[in-house]
């Protein structure tokens, strides 16, 4: 086989393998600002915080990092909750270890939980002794 034919065949094979290779899984980023007025019912906590999360659409792996300050006392619990629109309470979807700020972690979601994130139906909150139902909360939204 002539050299140019071998080169052409190799180039075609490379092009076809690249064209049919699996695409990188989409990673969707989410963010929420946390504050007492976001709780249901709202409170006047001076605490604030943020949570950022990334969801790998293929593996459904959720990774997060967050921080908080100004709470009335130590964090007793922290969670992603859903499905719920802003202003509505919902059960825990994913418990989070947030005993110190900053915090981070990861979990594998179910298909239903991943859909709740995609549909904007997840909030995050941090509970304290003074605010057992939640001291600061924020609805997660897709981040740019």
N, C-alpha and C. Protein backbone atom coordinates (compact mmCIF):
# COMPACT_ATOMS: atom_id res chain seq x y z
N UNK A 1 0.86 -1.18 0.00
CA UNK A 1 0.00 0.00 0.00
C UNK A 1 0.90 1.23 0.00
N UNK A 2 0.62 2.21 -0.87
CA UNK A 2 1.44 3.41 -0.92
C UNK A 2 1.37 4.18 0.40
N UNK A 3 2.47 4.93 0.70
CA UNK A 3 2.56 5.67 1.96
C UNK A 3 1.42 6.66 2.12
N UNK A 4 1.04 7.36 1.03
CA UNK A 4 -0.05 8.34 1.16
C UNK A 4 -1.36 7.66 1.51
N UNK A 5 -1.57 6.43 1.04
CA UNK A 5 -2.80 5.70 1.36
C UNK A 5 -2.81 5.31 2.84
N UNK A 6 -1.64 4.90 3.35
CA UNK A 6 -1.54 4.57 4.78
C UNK A 6 -1.81 5.82 5.63
N UNK A 7 -1.23 6.94 5.25
CA UNK A 7 -1.44 8.18 6.00
C UNK A 7 -2.90 8.60 5.95
N UNK A 8 -3.52 8.47 4.79
CA UNK A 8 -4.94 8.83 4.66
C UNK A 8 -5.81 7.91 5.50
N UNK A 9 -5.50 6.62 5.51
CA UNK A 9 -6.27 5.66 6.31
C UNK A 9 -6.12 5.96 7.80
N UNK A 10 -4.89 6.29 8.23
CA UNK A 10 -4.66 6.61 9.63
C UNK A 10 -5.42 7.87 10.03
N UNK A 11 -5.39 8.88 9.16
CA UNK A 11 -6.11 10.12 9.45
C UNK A 11 -7.60 9.88 9.54
N UNK A 12 -8.15 9.05 8.62
CA UNK A 12 -9.58 8.73 8.65
C UNK A 12 -9.93 7.98 9.93
N UNK A 13 -9.09 7.02 10.32
CA UNK A 13 -9.36 6.26 11.54
C UNK A 13 -9.36 7.18 12.76
N UNK A 14 -8.41 8.11 12.84
CA UNK A 14 -8.35 9.04 13.96
C UNK A 14 -9.59 9.93 13.98
N UNK A 15 -9.99 10.45 12.83
CA UNK A 15 -11.16 11.32 12.73
C UNK A 15 -12.42 10.58 13.17
N UNK A 16 -12.58 9.35 12.71
CA UNK A 16 -13.76 8.58 13.09
C UNK A 16 -13.76 8.25 14.58
N UNK A 17 -12.60 7.92 15.14
CA UNK A 17 -12.56 7.59 16.57
C UNK A 17 -12.88 8.82 17.40
N UNK A 18 -12.42 10.00 16.96
CA UNK A 18 -12.74 11.22 17.70
C UNK A 18 -14.21 11.57 17.57
N UNK A 19 -14.78 11.35 16.40
CA UNK A 19 -16.18 11.69 16.17
C UNK A 19 -17.12 10.81 16.98
N UNK A 20 -16.73 9.56 17.21
CA UNK A 20 -17.63 8.64 17.91
C UNK A 20 -17.22 8.36 19.35
N UNK A 21 -16.21 9.05 19.83
CA UNK A 21 -15.79 8.90 21.22
C UNK A 21 -16.86 9.49 22.12
N UNK A 22 -17.08 8.92 23.30
CA UNK A 22 -18.09 9.47 24.19
C UNK A 22 -17.73 10.90 24.59
N UNK A 23 -18.72 11.75 24.60
CA UNK A 23 -18.50 13.14 25.00
C UNK A 23 -18.28 13.20 26.50
N UNK A 24 -17.55 14.21 26.94
CA UNK A 24 -17.38 14.41 28.37
C UNK A 24 -18.74 14.65 29.00
N UNK A 25 -18.95 14.07 30.17
CA UNK A 25 -20.22 14.26 30.86
C UNK A 25 -20.39 15.73 31.21
N UNK A 26 -21.61 16.18 31.13
CA UNK A 26 -21.90 17.56 31.49
C UNK A 26 -21.84 17.71 33.00
N UNK A 27 -21.18 18.76 33.44
CA UNK A 27 -21.14 19.11 34.85
C UNK A 27 -21.92 20.40 35.02
N UNK A 28 -22.93 20.36 35.87
CA UNK A 28 -23.77 21.53 36.11
C UNK A 28 -23.42 22.10 37.48
N UNK A 29 -23.22 23.40 37.53
CA UNK A 29 -22.85 24.08 38.78
C UNK A 29 -24.07 24.77 39.37
N UNK A 30 -24.15 24.73 40.70
CA UNK A 30 -25.24 25.35 41.45
C UNK A 30 -24.66 26.21 42.56
N UNK A 31 -25.43 27.19 42.98
CA UNK A 31 -24.97 28.08 44.07
C UNK A 31 -26.18 28.60 44.83
N UNK A 32 -25.96 28.87 46.11
CA UNK A 32 -26.98 29.53 46.94
C UNK A 32 -26.30 30.38 47.99
N UNK A 33 -26.89 31.54 48.26
CA UNK A 33 -26.50 32.37 49.40
C UNK A 33 -27.42 32.01 50.55
N UNK A 34 -26.87 31.85 51.73
CA UNK A 34 -27.62 31.39 52.90
C UNK A 34 -27.85 32.54 53.87
N UNK A 35 -29.09 32.67 54.34
CA UNK A 35 -29.44 33.73 55.31
C UNK A 35 -30.70 33.34 56.06
N UNK A 36 -30.88 33.94 57.23
CA UNK A 36 -32.05 33.67 58.07
C UNK A 36 -33.38 34.00 57.40
N UNK A 37 -33.50 35.12 56.68
CA UNK A 37 -34.77 35.42 56.02
C UNK A 37 -35.18 34.39 54.97
N UNK A 38 -34.24 33.55 54.53
CA UNK A 38 -34.57 32.49 53.57
C UNK A 38 -35.21 31.28 54.21
N UNK A 39 -35.15 31.18 55.53
CA UNK A 39 -35.74 30.04 56.24
C UNK A 39 -37.26 30.12 56.19
N UNK A 40 -37.90 28.98 56.45
CA UNK A 40 -39.36 28.92 56.51
C UNK A 40 -39.73 28.31 57.85
N UNK A 41 -40.25 29.11 58.80
CA UNK A 41 -40.48 30.55 58.70
C UNK A 41 -39.17 31.33 58.78
N UNK A 42 -39.17 32.57 58.24
CA UNK A 42 -37.96 33.40 58.28
C UNK A 42 -37.56 33.73 59.71
N UNK A 43 -36.26 33.97 59.90
CA UNK A 43 -35.78 34.40 61.21
C UNK A 43 -34.84 35.59 61.02
N UNK A 44 -34.45 36.21 62.14
CA UNK A 44 -33.61 37.40 62.06
C UNK A 44 -32.14 37.10 62.36
N UNK A 45 -31.70 35.87 62.10
CA UNK A 45 -30.31 35.51 62.34
C UNK A 45 -29.37 36.43 61.57
N UNK A 46 -28.27 36.76 62.21
CA UNK A 46 -27.22 37.55 61.55
C UNK A 46 -26.26 36.63 60.78
N UNK A 47 -26.48 35.32 60.86
CA UNK A 47 -25.64 34.36 60.16
C UNK A 47 -25.79 34.47 58.65
N UNK A 48 -24.70 34.19 57.96
CA UNK A 48 -24.70 34.17 56.50
C UNK A 48 -23.83 33.02 56.03
N UNK A 49 -23.97 32.67 54.77
CA UNK A 49 -23.14 31.62 54.20
C UNK A 49 -23.37 31.47 52.72
N UNK A 50 -22.59 30.60 52.13
CA UNK A 50 -22.75 30.25 50.72
C UNK A 50 -22.51 28.77 50.56
N UNK A 51 -23.12 28.19 49.54
CA UNK A 51 -22.88 26.80 49.17
C UNK A 51 -22.77 26.77 47.65
N UNK A 52 -21.75 26.08 47.17
CA UNK A 52 -21.56 25.86 45.74
C UNK A 52 -21.50 24.36 45.53
N UNK A 53 -22.15 23.88 44.48
CA UNK A 53 -22.17 22.45 44.20
C UNK A 53 -22.01 22.22 42.71
N UNK A 54 -21.43 21.06 42.37
CA UNK A 54 -21.29 20.64 40.98
C UNK A 54 -21.87 19.24 40.87
N UNK A 55 -22.67 19.03 39.83
CA UNK A 55 -23.31 17.73 39.62
C UNK A 55 -22.86 17.17 38.28
N UNK A 56 -22.20 16.02 38.31
CA UNK A 56 -21.81 15.31 37.10
C UNK A 56 -23.05 14.58 36.60
N UNK A 57 -23.54 14.97 35.43
CA UNK A 57 -24.80 14.43 34.92
C UNK A 57 -24.72 12.94 34.61
N UNK A 58 -23.55 12.46 34.26
CA UNK A 58 -23.41 11.04 33.91
C UNK A 58 -23.35 10.15 35.15
N UNK A 59 -22.49 10.50 36.09
CA UNK A 59 -22.31 9.65 37.28
C UNK A 59 -23.24 10.04 38.42
N UNK A 60 -23.88 11.20 38.29
CA UNK A 60 -24.75 11.75 39.33
C UNK A 60 -24.00 12.00 40.64
N UNK A 61 -22.70 12.29 40.52
CA UNK A 61 -21.89 12.63 41.68
C UNK A 61 -22.03 14.12 41.95
N UNK A 62 -22.47 14.43 43.15
CA UNK A 62 -22.60 15.81 43.61
C UNK A 62 -21.41 16.10 44.52
N UNK A 63 -20.69 17.18 44.22
CA UNK A 63 -19.63 17.65 45.10
C UNK A 63 -19.98 19.06 45.52
N UNK A 64 -19.60 19.42 46.75
CA UNK A 64 -19.97 20.75 47.24
C UNK A 64 -18.88 21.31 48.13
N UNK A 65 -18.93 22.64 48.25
CA UNK A 65 -18.11 23.35 49.23
C UNK A 65 -18.92 24.55 49.69
N UNK A 66 -18.73 24.89 50.94
CA UNK A 66 -19.49 26.00 51.50
C UNK A 66 -18.79 26.62 52.67
N UNK A 67 -19.36 27.72 53.11
CA UNK A 67 -18.83 28.39 54.29
C UNK A 67 -19.97 29.15 54.96
N UNK A 68 -19.77 29.47 56.23
CA UNK A 68 -20.76 30.24 56.98
C UNK A 68 -20.08 30.98 58.10
N UNK A 69 -20.77 32.00 58.61
CA UNK A 69 -20.26 32.75 59.76
C UNK A 69 -21.43 33.42 60.46
N UNK A 70 -21.21 33.83 61.70
CA UNK A 70 -22.20 34.60 62.44
C UNK A 70 -23.39 33.83 62.96
N UNK A 71 -23.31 32.51 63.00
CA UNK A 71 -24.44 31.73 63.54
C UNK A 71 -24.58 31.96 65.04
N UNK A 72 -25.76 31.68 65.58
CA UNK A 72 -26.01 31.87 67.00
C UNK A 72 -25.30 30.84 67.86
N UNK A 73 -24.81 29.78 67.25
CA UNK A 73 -24.10 28.73 67.98
C UNK A 73 -23.57 27.71 67.00
N UNK A 74 -23.01 26.62 67.52
CA UNK A 74 -22.46 25.60 66.64
C UNK A 74 -23.52 24.97 65.74
N UNK A 75 -23.08 24.55 64.58
CA UNK A 75 -23.95 23.84 63.64
C UNK A 75 -24.32 22.49 64.25
N UNK A 76 -25.61 22.19 64.25
CA UNK A 76 -26.07 20.88 64.73
C UNK A 76 -26.30 19.92 63.58
N UNK A 77 -26.72 20.45 62.43
CA UNK A 77 -26.97 19.64 61.25
C UNK A 77 -26.99 20.56 60.04
N UNK A 78 -26.69 19.98 58.87
CA UNK A 78 -26.76 20.71 57.61
C UNK A 78 -27.21 19.72 56.55
N UNK A 79 -28.03 20.20 55.61
CA UNK A 79 -28.62 19.29 54.62
C UNK A 79 -28.95 20.01 53.33
N UNK A 80 -28.99 19.21 52.25
CA UNK A 80 -29.70 19.57 51.04
C UNK A 80 -31.10 19.01 51.22
N UNK A 81 -32.12 19.80 50.94
CA UNK A 81 -33.52 19.38 51.08
C UNK A 81 -34.22 19.48 49.74
N UNK A 82 -35.27 18.68 49.56
CA UNK A 82 -36.08 18.79 48.36
C UNK A 82 -37.01 17.61 48.22
N UNK A 83 -37.85 17.60 47.23
CA UNK A 83 -38.06 18.69 46.28
C UNK A 83 -38.93 19.79 46.89
N UNK A 84 -38.53 21.04 46.67
CA UNK A 84 -39.30 22.16 47.20
C UNK A 84 -38.93 23.44 46.45
N UNK A 85 -39.94 24.23 46.17
CA UNK A 85 -39.71 25.57 45.65
C UNK A 85 -39.31 26.45 46.83
N UNK A 86 -38.77 27.63 46.54
CA UNK A 86 -38.43 28.59 47.59
C UNK A 86 -39.67 28.85 48.43
N UNK A 87 -39.50 28.92 49.75
CA UNK A 87 -40.62 29.19 50.65
C UNK A 87 -41.38 27.97 51.10
N UNK A 88 -40.95 26.78 50.67
CA UNK A 88 -41.62 25.53 51.03
C UNK A 88 -40.60 24.61 51.68
N UNK A 89 -40.99 23.94 52.75
CA UNK A 89 -40.10 22.99 53.41
C UNK A 89 -40.23 21.61 52.78
N UNK A 90 -39.15 20.82 52.88
CA UNK A 90 -39.12 19.49 52.28
C UNK A 90 -38.19 18.60 53.11
N UNK A 91 -38.27 17.29 52.89
CA UNK A 91 -37.40 16.38 53.63
C UNK A 91 -35.94 16.48 53.18
N UNK A 92 -35.06 15.89 53.98
CA UNK A 92 -33.64 15.87 53.69
C UNK A 92 -33.39 14.99 52.46
N UNK A 93 -32.60 15.52 51.51
CA UNK A 93 -32.13 14.73 50.36
C UNK A 93 -30.74 14.17 50.63
N UNK A 94 -29.85 15.05 51.10
CA UNK A 94 -28.46 14.66 51.34
C UNK A 94 -27.97 15.33 52.61
N UNK A 95 -27.60 14.55 53.64
CA UNK A 95 -27.01 15.15 54.83
C UNK A 95 -25.58 15.60 54.54
N UNK A 96 -25.16 16.66 55.22
CA UNK A 96 -23.84 17.25 54.99
C UNK A 96 -23.14 17.43 56.32
N UNK A 97 -21.86 17.11 56.37
CA UNK A 97 -21.03 17.34 57.54
C UNK A 97 -20.47 18.75 57.42
N UNK A 98 -20.94 19.66 58.28
CA UNK A 98 -20.51 21.06 58.21
C UNK A 98 -20.18 21.59 59.61
N UNK A 99 -19.51 20.78 60.41
CA UNK A 99 -19.19 21.17 61.79
C UNK A 99 -18.23 22.34 61.87
N UNK A 100 -17.48 22.58 60.80
CA UNK A 100 -16.56 23.71 60.76
C UNK A 100 -16.70 24.39 59.40
N UNK A 101 -16.39 25.66 59.37
CA UNK A 101 -16.44 26.42 58.13
C UNK A 101 -15.02 26.79 57.74
N UNK A 102 -14.62 26.54 56.51
CA UNK A 102 -15.38 26.02 55.38
C UNK A 102 -15.56 24.51 55.48
N UNK A 103 -16.47 23.98 54.65
CA UNK A 103 -16.75 22.55 54.62
C UNK A 103 -16.88 22.10 53.17
N UNK A 104 -16.77 20.79 52.95
CA UNK A 104 -16.92 20.25 51.61
C UNK A 104 -17.28 18.78 51.71
N UNK A 105 -17.72 18.21 50.59
CA UNK A 105 -18.07 16.80 50.58
C UNK A 105 -18.59 16.38 49.24
N UNK A 106 -19.06 15.13 49.18
CA UNK A 106 -19.63 14.60 47.95
C UNK A 106 -20.58 13.46 48.27
N UNK A 107 -21.46 13.18 47.32
CA UNK A 107 -22.42 12.08 47.45
C UNK A 107 -22.89 11.70 46.05
N UNK A 108 -23.36 10.48 45.91
CA UNK A 108 -23.96 10.04 44.66
C UNK A 108 -25.47 10.14 44.79
N UNK A 109 -26.10 10.83 43.85
CA UNK A 109 -27.54 11.07 43.89
C UNK A 109 -28.29 9.99 43.13
N UNK A 110 -29.55 9.85 43.45
CA UNK A 110 -30.45 9.02 42.65
C UNK A 110 -30.87 9.83 41.42
N UNK A 111 -31.50 9.17 40.46
CA UNK A 111 -32.02 9.88 39.29
C UNK A 111 -33.01 10.96 39.72
N UNK A 112 -33.88 10.63 40.67
CA UNK A 112 -34.89 11.58 41.14
C UNK A 112 -34.26 12.80 41.83
N UNK A 113 -33.25 12.57 42.65
CA UNK A 113 -32.56 13.68 43.31
C UNK A 113 -31.86 14.57 42.29
N UNK A 114 -31.21 13.97 41.30
CA UNK A 114 -30.54 14.76 40.26
C UNK A 114 -31.56 15.61 39.50
N UNK A 115 -32.74 15.06 39.25
CA UNK A 115 -33.81 15.82 38.58
C UNK A 115 -34.27 16.98 39.45
N UNK A 116 -34.36 16.77 40.77
CA UNK A 116 -34.74 17.86 41.68
C UNK A 116 -33.74 19.02 41.57
N UNK A 117 -32.45 18.72 41.50
CA UNK A 117 -31.45 19.78 41.31
C UNK A 117 -31.69 20.48 39.98
N UNK A 118 -31.83 19.71 38.91
CA UNK A 118 -32.01 20.30 37.58
C UNK A 118 -33.27 21.16 37.50
N UNK A 119 -34.29 20.79 38.25
CA UNK A 119 -35.56 21.52 38.23
C UNK A 119 -35.58 22.70 39.21
N UNK A 120 -34.48 22.95 39.92
CA UNK A 120 -34.43 24.07 40.86
C UNK A 120 -35.22 23.85 42.12
N UNK A 121 -35.37 22.59 42.52
CA UNK A 121 -36.22 22.25 43.67
C UNK A 121 -35.42 21.77 44.88
N UNK A 122 -34.22 22.34 45.06
CA UNK A 122 -33.37 21.94 46.18
C UNK A 122 -32.92 23.19 46.93
N UNK A 123 -32.98 23.12 48.25
CA UNK A 123 -32.41 24.17 49.08
C UNK A 123 -31.43 23.55 50.06
N UNK A 124 -30.60 24.41 50.64
CA UNK A 124 -29.61 23.98 51.62
C UNK A 124 -29.81 24.80 52.88
N UNK A 125 -29.74 24.14 54.03
CA UNK A 125 -29.79 24.92 55.27
C UNK A 125 -28.91 24.33 56.35
N UNK A 126 -28.64 25.19 57.33
CA UNK A 126 -27.82 24.83 58.49
C UNK A 126 -28.65 25.06 59.75
N UNK A 127 -28.68 24.05 60.61
CA UNK A 127 -29.47 24.07 61.84
C UNK A 127 -28.56 24.33 63.04
N UNK A 128 -29.08 25.07 64.02
CA UNK A 128 -28.38 25.32 65.28
C UNK A 128 -29.36 25.07 66.43
N UNK A 129 -28.86 25.09 67.66
CA UNK A 129 -29.72 24.88 68.82
C UNK A 129 -30.78 25.98 68.92
N UNK A 130 -30.40 27.21 68.62
CA UNK A 130 -31.36 28.32 68.70
C UNK A 130 -32.38 28.27 67.57
N UNK A 131 -32.03 27.63 66.48
CA UNK A 131 -32.92 27.54 65.30
C UNK A 131 -32.91 26.10 64.81
N UNK A 132 -33.62 25.25 65.57
CA UNK A 132 -33.61 23.81 65.27
C UNK A 132 -34.16 23.49 63.88
N UNK A 133 -35.11 24.29 63.40
CA UNK A 133 -35.66 24.08 62.06
C UNK A 133 -34.77 24.59 60.96
N UNK A 134 -33.77 25.36 61.31
CA UNK A 134 -32.82 25.91 60.36
C UNK A 134 -32.54 27.36 60.67
N UNK A 135 -31.25 27.72 60.71
CA UNK A 135 -30.89 29.11 60.98
C UNK A 135 -30.65 29.90 59.70
N UNK A 136 -29.97 29.28 58.74
CA UNK A 136 -29.76 29.96 57.45
C UNK A 136 -30.08 28.99 56.33
N UNK A 137 -30.62 29.55 55.25
CA UNK A 137 -31.10 28.72 54.14
C UNK A 137 -30.97 29.48 52.83
N UNK A 138 -30.79 28.71 51.76
CA UNK A 138 -30.79 29.30 50.42
C UNK A 138 -31.22 28.28 49.38
N UNK A 139 -31.96 28.72 48.39
CA UNK A 139 -32.42 27.89 47.28
C UNK A 139 -31.30 27.79 46.25
N UNK A 140 -30.94 26.58 45.87
CA UNK A 140 -29.88 26.41 44.88
C UNK A 140 -30.39 26.75 43.48
N UNK A 141 -29.58 27.46 42.74
CA UNK A 141 -29.88 27.81 41.36
C UNK A 141 -28.65 27.52 40.52
N UNK A 142 -28.86 27.26 39.23
CA UNK A 142 -27.74 27.02 38.34
C UNK A 142 -26.86 28.25 38.33
N UNK A 143 -25.55 28.00 38.41
CA UNK A 143 -24.56 29.09 38.41
C UNK A 143 -24.01 29.24 37.00
N UNK A 144 -23.64 30.45 36.63
CA UNK A 144 -23.06 30.64 35.29
C UNK A 144 -21.72 29.95 35.13
